[in-house]
Amino acid sequence: MTATERSVSASWTGGLRATVDAGGFPVVADEPESSGGTGTGPQPTELLLASIASCFTLALAYSAGKRDVPLEGLGVDVTGRYDGPRFDAFRITVRAAAPRGPELDELITAAKRVCYVTRTLASPPEIEFVVDQG
């Protein structure tokens, strides 16, 4: 399989606030006022949790659609546990009115294979830092 790249760009807008261009959609990241931010957007760590929750939700919906399984009332909650300056664990809670039981368990298993975000976190990639002074 050939690797492809996806990119986003963040611009500092003062204080502890940044605006991110994500696929042409503006996303604000900020810190709460109590931490020196303006409280006008989610914290970057909340955006990480949002990435997990949204990706897993869509992976469940995709998996249900591929299997012609009716899906109702789907919701996904994600909680991260801090250990010093990082998360050391995530808990993903799945709620659905339908399906229930083993059928929902099968969708969760399939979604684990489909969700790029949780797959990335399960086997962390190399991180490269580049300075562009152009």
Protein backbone atom coordinates (compact mmCIF):
# COMPACT_ATOMS: atom_id res chain seq x y z
CA MET A 1 0.00 0.00 0.00
CA THR A 2 1.28 3.45 -0.88
CA ALA A 3 1.37 6.00 1.92
CA THR A 4 -0.55 9.24 1.45
CA GLU A 5 -0.37 12.39 3.52
CA ARG A 6 -2.97 14.59 5.16
CA SER A 7 -2.12 18.02 6.56
CA VAL A 8 -3.65 20.73 8.69
CA SER A 9 -2.22 24.17 9.43
CA ALA A 10 -2.45 26.11 12.68
CA SER A 11 -1.93 29.85 13.11
CA TRP A 12 -1.37 31.47 16.46
CA THR A 13 -3.99 34.15 17.09
CA GLY A 14 -2.56 35.48 20.36
CA GLY A 15 -2.47 34.39 23.96
CA LEU A 16 -2.91 30.63 24.07
CA ARG A 17 -5.29 30.47 21.11
CA ALA A 18 -4.80 29.08 17.60
CA THR A 19 -6.98 28.64 14.54
CA VAL A 20 -6.50 25.44 12.59
CA ASP A 21 -7.37 25.02 8.92
CA ALA A 22 -8.56 21.42 8.72
CA GLY A 23 -9.64 20.61 5.18
CA GLY A 24 -10.91 24.14 4.66
CA PHE A 25 -12.82 24.15 7.95
CA PRO A 26 -11.65 26.51 10.71
CA VAL A 27 -11.19 24.88 14.10
CA VAL A 28 -10.32 26.98 17.15
CA ALA A 29 -8.06 25.61 19.87
CA ASP A 30 -7.71 27.57 23.08
CA GLU A 31 -6.97 27.16 26.75
CA PRO A 32 -9.37 28.16 29.52
CA GLU A 33 -9.06 31.63 31.02
CA SER A 34 -7.79 30.03 34.24
CA SER A 35 -4.76 28.78 32.28
CA GLY A 36 -4.08 32.01 30.39
CA GLY A 37 -6.29 31.43 27.36
CA THR A 38 -9.49 33.13 26.31
CA GLY A 39 -11.78 30.11 26.68
CA THR A 40 -13.15 30.56 23.14
CA GLY A 41 -12.52 27.01 21.96
CA PRO A 42 -11.72 23.51 23.09
CA GLN A 43 -8.31 22.68 24.47
CA PRO A 44 -5.98 20.71 22.17
CA THR A 45 -6.39 17.68 24.45
CA GLU A 46 -10.17 17.93 24.04
CA LEU A 47 -9.66 18.03 20.27
CA LEU A 48 -7.67 14.80 20.56
CA LEU A 49 -10.56 13.22 22.48
CA ALA A 50 -12.96 14.62 19.87
CA SER A 51 -10.88 13.01 17.11
CA ILE A 52 -11.14 9.64 18.82
CA ALA A 53 -14.90 9.99 19.48
CA SER A 54 -15.79 11.22 16.00
CA CYS A 55 -13.61 8.67 14.19
CA PHE A 56 -14.95 5.75 16.22
CA THR A 57 -18.54 6.95 15.76
CA LEU A 58 -18.08 7.11 11.99
CA ALA A 59 -16.28 3.74 11.97
CA LEU A 60 -19.27 2.18 13.78
CA ALA A 61 -21.72 3.77 11.33
CA TYR A 62 -19.62 2.61 8.37
CA SER A 63 -19.35 -0.93 9.75
CA ALA A 64 -23.12 -1.08 10.37
CA GLY A 65 -23.81 0.16 6.84
CA LYS A 66 -21.50 -2.44 5.28
CA ARG A 67 -23.35 -5.17 7.17
CA ASP A 68 -26.86 -3.75 6.63
CA VAL A 69 -27.27 -3.58 10.42
CA PRO A 70 -29.83 -0.97 11.53
CA LEU A 71 -28.13 1.50 13.84
CA GLU A 72 -30.13 3.76 16.14
CA GLY A 73 -29.23 6.24 18.85
CA LEU A 74 -25.48 5.87 18.43
CA GLY A 75 -23.28 7.87 20.78
CA VAL A 76 -19.62 7.56 21.72
CA ASP A 77 -17.99 9.08 24.80
CA VAL A 78 -14.22 9.23 25.20
CA THR A 79 -12.37 9.90 28.44
CA GLY A 80 -8.63 10.37 28.66
CA ARG A 81 -6.69 9.77 31.86
CA TYR A 82 -3.83 12.18 32.56
CA ASP A 83 -0.52 10.87 33.83
CA GLY A 84 1.72 13.89 34.14
CA PRO A 85 1.89 15.86 30.89
CA ARG A 86 0.23 13.16 28.75
CA PHE A 87 -2.70 10.81 28.51
CA ASP A 88 -1.78 7.30 29.59
CA ALA A 89 -5.16 5.71 28.84
CA PHE A 90 -8.40 6.27 26.95
CA ARG A 91 -11.84 4.83 27.67
CA ILE A 92 -14.30 4.63 24.77
CA THR A 93 -17.93 4.11 25.78
CA VAL A 94 -20.39 3.14 23.04
CA ARG A 95 -24.14 3.65 23.43
CA ALA A 96 -26.74 2.47 20.94
CA ALA A 97 -30.48 1.87 21.09
CA ALA A 98 -30.04 -0.73 18.34
CA PRO A 99 -28.37 -3.09 17.81
CA ARG A 100 -27.62 -4.48 21.26
CA GLY A 101 -25.67 -7.40 22.68
CA PRO A 102 -23.47 -9.55 20.45
CA GLU A 103 -24.40 -7.67 17.28
CA LEU A 104 -23.15 -4.38 18.77
CA ASP A 105 -20.01 -6.16 20.01
CA GLU A 106 -19.36 -7.34 16.44
CA LEU A 107 -19.74 -3.77 15.14
CA ILE A 108 -17.28 -2.53 17.77
CA THR A 109 -14.77 -5.19 16.71
CA ALA A 110 -15.18 -4.15 13.07
CA ALA A 111 -14.91 -0.44 13.96
CA LYS A 112 -11.61 -1.09 15.74
CA ARG A 113 -10.21 -2.22 12.37
CA VAL A 114 -11.66 0.80 10.52
CA CYS A 115 -10.95 3.73 12.89
CA TYR A 116 -7.72 5.39 11.77
CA VAL A 117 -7.40 7.45 14.95
CA THR A 118 -7.55 4.59 17.43
CA ARG A 119 -5.35 2.43 15.18
CA THR A 120 -2.77 5.24 15.09
CA LEU A 121 -2.81 5.61 18.87
CA ALA A 122 -2.55 1.85 19.37
CA SER A 123 0.73 1.79 17.43
CA PRO A 124 2.17 5.32 17.67
CA PRO A 125 3.91 6.65 14.57
CA GLU A 126 7.28 8.32 14.47
CA ILE A 127 7.09 12.09 15.06
CA GLU A 128 9.45 14.32 13.10
CA PHE A 129 9.97 18.01 13.96
CA VAL A 130 11.04 20.30 11.11
CA VAL A 131 11.91 24.00 11.35
CA ASP A 132 10.96 26.11 8.31
CA GLN A 133 12.46 29.58 8.56
CA GLY A 134 11.56 30.47 5.00
